[in-house]
Amino acid sequence: QVQLVESGGGLVQAGDSLTLSCAASRHTNRIYSMAWFRQAPGKEREFVAGITPGGTATYYTDSVKDQFTISGDKSKGTLYLQMNRLKPKDTAVYYCAADTRLGAYSYNRYDYDSWGQGTQVTVSS
């Protein structure tokens, strides 16, 4: 299984920017697509942004379009999430995820088989 490690989370003020990083190791050649998810307290884990298996396209949940930018290099096992104009509602644990089985991009968390431990992002008002 692919191992994923996130970093870059922290406590910021509303309007600030933050960049999350994810580093993959072990069997990275098996990765089809990668994505970011987040989970706020008391809520289900939700899709944030993803990169298609070919790495040529990105896709986002509506609430972060024009605010977050996903990038990465699947061949190197790296994934980033640039988050701008952060808001208190963006407070959550952010998870990096990888798919090594489906072979297609997906918004569904159950289609991703490898997960990082998560990094906390807290946005104060």
C-alpha atoms as a PDB file:
ATOM      1  CA  GLN A   1       0.000   0.000   0.000  1.00  0.00           C
ATOM      2  CA  VAL A   2       1.112   3.520  -0.727  1.00  0.00           C
ATOM      3  CA  GLN A   3       2.172   5.518   2.319  1.00  0.00           C
ATOM      4  CA  LEU A   4       1.178   9.174   2.436  1.00  0.00           C
ATOM      5  CA  VAL A   5       2.400  11.880   4.780  1.00  0.00           C
ATOM      6  CA  GLU A   6       0.843  15.343   4.915  1.00  0.00           C
ATOM      7  CA  SER A   7       2.430  18.492   6.249  1.00  0.00           C
ATOM      8  CA  GLY A   8       1.881  22.219   6.273  1.00  0.00           C
ATOM      9  CA  GLY A   9      -1.187  22.593   8.432  1.00  0.00           C
ATOM     10  CA  GLY A  10      -1.449  25.142  11.205  1.00  0.00           C
ATOM     11  CA  LEU A  11      -3.344  27.969  12.820  1.00  0.00           C
ATOM     12  CA  VAL A  12      -3.960  30.995  10.609  1.00  0.00           C
ATOM     13  CA  GLN A  13      -6.245  33.993  10.526  1.00  0.00           C
ATOM     14  CA  ALA A  14      -9.105  34.495   8.139  1.00  0.00           C
ATOM     15  CA  GLY A  15      -7.823  35.780   4.809  1.00  0.00           C
ATOM     16  CA  ASP A  16      -4.421  34.126   5.153  1.00  0.00           C
ATOM     17  CA  SER A  17      -2.936  31.569   2.802  1.00  0.00           C
ATOM     18  CA  LEU A  18      -1.510  28.136   3.515  1.00  0.00           C
ATOM     19  CA  THR A  19       0.054  25.399   1.417  1.00  0.00           C
ATOM     20  CA  LEU A  20      -0.347  21.756   2.306  1.00  0.00           C
ATOM     21  CA  SER A  21       2.070  19.117   1.057  1.00  0.00           C
ATOM     22  CA  CYS A  22       1.741  15.373   0.681  1.00  0.00           C
ATOM     23  CA  ALA A  23       4.607  12.983   0.085  1.00  0.00           C
ATOM     24  CA  ALA A  24       3.982   9.453  -1.108  1.00  0.00           C
ATOM     25  CA  SER A  25       6.317   6.526  -0.647  1.00  0.00           C
ATOM     26  CA  ARG A  26       6.222   2.830  -1.382  1.00  0.00           C
ATOM     27  CA  HIS A  27       4.616   1.616  -4.594  1.00  0.00           C
ATOM     28  CA  THR A  28       4.134   5.134  -5.955  1.00  0.00           C
ATOM     29  CA  ASN A  29       4.178   3.661  -9.460  1.00  0.00           C
ATOM     30  CA  ARG A  30       0.782   2.131  -8.632  1.00  0.00           C
ATOM     31  CA  ILE A  31      -0.907   5.490  -8.083  1.00  0.00           C
ATOM     32  CA  TYR A  32      -3.580   6.430 -10.590  1.00  0.00           C
ATOM     33  CA  SER A  33      -4.997   9.583  -9.083  1.00  0.00           C
ATOM     34  CA  MET A  34      -4.559  11.682  -5.961  1.00  0.00           C
ATOM     35  CA  ALA A  35      -6.818  14.017  -4.087  1.00  0.00           C
ATOM     36  CA  TRP A  36      -7.341  16.114  -0.991  1.00  0.00           C
ATOM     37  CA  PHE A  37     -10.216  15.566   1.404  1.00  0.00           C
ATOM     38  CA  ARG A  38     -11.116  17.321   4.628  1.00  0.00           C
ATOM     39  CA  GLN A  39     -13.113  16.521   7.710  1.00  0.00           C
ATOM     40  CA  ALA A  40     -14.507  19.128  10.054  1.00  0.00           C
ATOM     41  CA  PRO A  41     -15.565  18.236  13.609  1.00  0.00           C
ATOM     42  CA  GLY A  42     -18.840  16.360  13.614  1.00  0.00           C
ATOM     43  CA  LYS A  43     -18.988  16.144   9.835  1.00  0.00           C
ATOM     44  CA  GLU A  44     -18.219  13.522   7.257  1.00  0.00           C
ATOM     45  CA  ARG A  45     -15.014  13.527   5.268  1.00  0.00           C
ATOM     46  CA  GLU A  46     -15.569  15.488   2.072  1.00  0.00           C
ATOM     47  CA  PHE A  47     -13.776  15.809  -1.228  1.00  0.00           C
ATOM     48  CA  VAL A  48     -11.826  19.044  -1.760  1.00  0.00           C
ATOM     49  CA  ALA A  49      -9.715  18.721  -4.908  1.00  0.00           C
ATOM     50  CA  GLY A  50      -8.173  16.084  -7.125  1.00  0.00           C
ATOM     51  CA  ILE A  51      -5.882  15.410 -10.048  1.00  0.00           C
ATOM     52  CA  THR A  52      -6.868  13.055 -12.847  1.00  0.00           C
ATOM     53  CA  PRO A  53      -4.816   9.893 -13.460  1.00  0.00           C
ATOM     54  CA  GLY A  54      -3.106  11.447 -16.448  1.00  0.00           C
ATOM     55  CA  GLY A  55      -2.214  14.451 -14.338  1.00  0.00           C
ATOM     56  CA  THR A  56      -3.544  16.757 -17.025  1.00  0.00           C
ATOM     57  CA  ALA A  57      -6.627  18.027 -15.285  1.00  0.00           C
ATOM     58  CA  THR A  58      -7.737  19.119 -11.852  1.00  0.00           C
ATOM     59  CA  TYR A  59     -11.175  19.233 -10.308  1.00  0.00           C
ATOM     60  CA  TYR A  60     -12.632  20.841  -7.199  1.00  0.00           C
ATOM     61  CA  THR A  61     -15.645  20.870  -4.999  1.00  0.00           C
ATOM     62  CA  ASP A  62     -17.690  23.987  -5.700  1.00  0.00           C
ATOM     63  CA  SER A  63     -17.019  25.596  -2.330  1.00  0.00           C
ATOM     64  CA  VAL A  64     -13.264  25.948  -2.958  1.00  0.00           C
ATOM     65  CA  LYS A  65     -13.144  26.773  -6.661  1.00  0.00           C
ATOM     66  CA  ASP A  66     -11.112  29.942  -7.294  1.00  0.00           C
ATOM     67  CA  GLN A  67      -9.834  29.700  -3.723  1.00  0.00           C
ATOM     68  CA  PHE A  68      -7.756  26.497  -3.627  1.00  0.00           C
ATOM     69  CA  THR A  69      -5.297  25.147  -6.189  1.00  0.00           C
ATOM     70  CA  ILE A  70      -4.156  21.541  -6.341  1.00  0.00           C
ATOM     71  CA  SER A  71      -0.907  20.552  -7.994  1.00  0.00           C
ATOM     72  CA  GLY A  72       1.535  17.723  -7.911  1.00  0.00           C
ATOM     73  CA  ASP A  73       3.684  15.241  -9.710  1.00  0.00           C
ATOM     74  CA  LYS A  74       2.377  11.710  -9.530  1.00  0.00           C
ATOM     75  CA  SER A  75       5.648  10.283 -10.817  1.00  0.00           C
ATOM     76  CA  LYS A  76       7.377  11.817  -7.814  1.00  0.00           C
ATOM     77  CA  GLY A  77       4.562  11.052  -5.430  1.00  0.00           C
ATOM     78  CA  THR A  78       4.020  14.663  -4.432  1.00  0.00           C
ATOM     79  CA  LEU A  79       0.791  16.568  -4.017  1.00  0.00           C
ATOM     80  CA  TYR A  80       0.117  20.130  -2.901  1.00  0.00           C
ATOM     81  CA  LEU A  81      -2.875  22.219  -1.989  1.00  0.00           C
ATOM     82  CA  GLN A  82      -2.499  25.978  -2.139  1.00  0.00           C
ATOM     83  CA  MET A  83      -5.243  27.532  -0.046  1.00  0.00           C
ATOM     84  CA  ASN A  84      -5.949  31.243  -0.363  1.00  0.00           C
ATOM     85  CA  ARG A  85      -8.328  33.610   1.416  1.00  0.00           C
ATOM     86  CA  LEU A  86      -8.957  31.063   4.117  1.00  0.00           C
ATOM     87  CA  LYS A  87     -12.199  31.243   6.058  1.00  0.00           C
ATOM     88  CA  PRO A  88     -13.212  29.811   9.428  1.00  0.00           C
ATOM     89  CA  LYS A  89     -15.416  27.291   7.614  1.00  0.00           C
ATOM     90  CA  ASP A  90     -12.245  25.859   6.034  1.00  0.00           C
ATOM     91  CA  THR A  91     -11.187  24.625   9.480  1.00  0.00           C
ATOM     92  CA  ALA A  92     -10.762  20.851   9.283  1.00  0.00           C
ATOM     93  CA  VAL A  93      -8.293  18.020   9.213  1.00  0.00           C
ATOM     94  CA  TYR A  94      -7.024  17.742   5.649  1.00  0.00           C
ATOM     95  CA  TYR A  95      -6.173  14.339   4.224  1.00  0.00           C
ATOM     96  CA  CYS A  96      -4.170  13.291   1.213  1.00  0.00           C
ATOM     97  CA  ALA A  97      -5.552  10.273  -0.633  1.00  0.00           C
ATOM     98  CA  ALA A  98      -4.388   8.056  -3.461  1.00  0.00           C
ATOM     99  CA  ASP A  99      -6.130   5.560  -5.701  1.00  0.00           C
ATOM    100  CA  THR A 100      -4.260   2.480  -6.838  1.00  0.00           C
ATOM    101  CA  ARG A 101      -7.240   0.396  -7.961  1.00  0.00           C
ATOM    102  CA  LEU A 102      -9.997   2.394  -9.661  1.00  0.00           C
ATOM    103  CA  GLY A 103      -7.908   4.026 -12.344  1.00  0.00           C
ATOM    104  CA  ALA A 104     -10.232   6.981 -12.778  1.00  0.00           C
ATOM    105  CA  TYR A 105     -10.781  10.256 -10.985  1.00  0.00           C
ATOM    106  CA  SER A 106     -13.432  10.268  -8.304  1.00  0.00           C
ATOM    107  CA  TYR A 107     -15.083  12.537  -5.764  1.00  0.00           C
ATOM    108  CA  ASN A 108     -15.980   9.530  -3.632  1.00  0.00           C
ATOM    109  CA  ARG A 109     -13.744   8.857  -0.646  1.00  0.00           C
ATOM    110  CA  TYR A 110     -14.438   5.140  -0.873  1.00  0.00           C
ATOM    111  CA  ASP A 111     -12.659   5.021  -4.235  1.00  0.00           C
ATOM    112  CA  TYR A 112      -9.352   5.922  -2.591  1.00  0.00           C
ATOM    113  CA  ASP A 113      -7.455   3.125  -0.911  1.00  0.00           C
ATOM    114  CA  SER A 114      -4.487   4.960   0.609  1.00  0.00           C
ATOM    115  CA  TRP A 115      -4.707   7.787   3.134  1.00  0.00           C
ATOM    116  CA  GLY A 116      -2.365   9.969   5.096  1.00  0.00           C
ATOM    117  CA  GLN A 117      -2.740  10.661   8.788  1.00  0.00           C
ATOM    118  CA  GLY A 118      -4.111  14.148   8.191  1.00  0.00           C
ATOM    119  CA  THR A 119      -2.946  17.644   9.000  1.00  0.00           C
ATOM    120  CA  GLN A 120      -4.986  20.130  11.012  1.00  0.00           C
ATOM    121  CA  VAL A 121      -5.905  23.486   9.527  1.00  0.00           C
ATOM    122  CA  THR A 122      -7.516  25.971  11.866  1.00  0.00           C
ATOM    123  CA  VAL A 123      -8.719  29.341  10.637  1.00  0.00           C
ATOM    124  CA  SER A 124      -9.563  31.932  13.272  1.00  0.00           C
ATOM    125  CA  SER A 125     -11.932  34.798  12.609  1.00  0.00           C
END
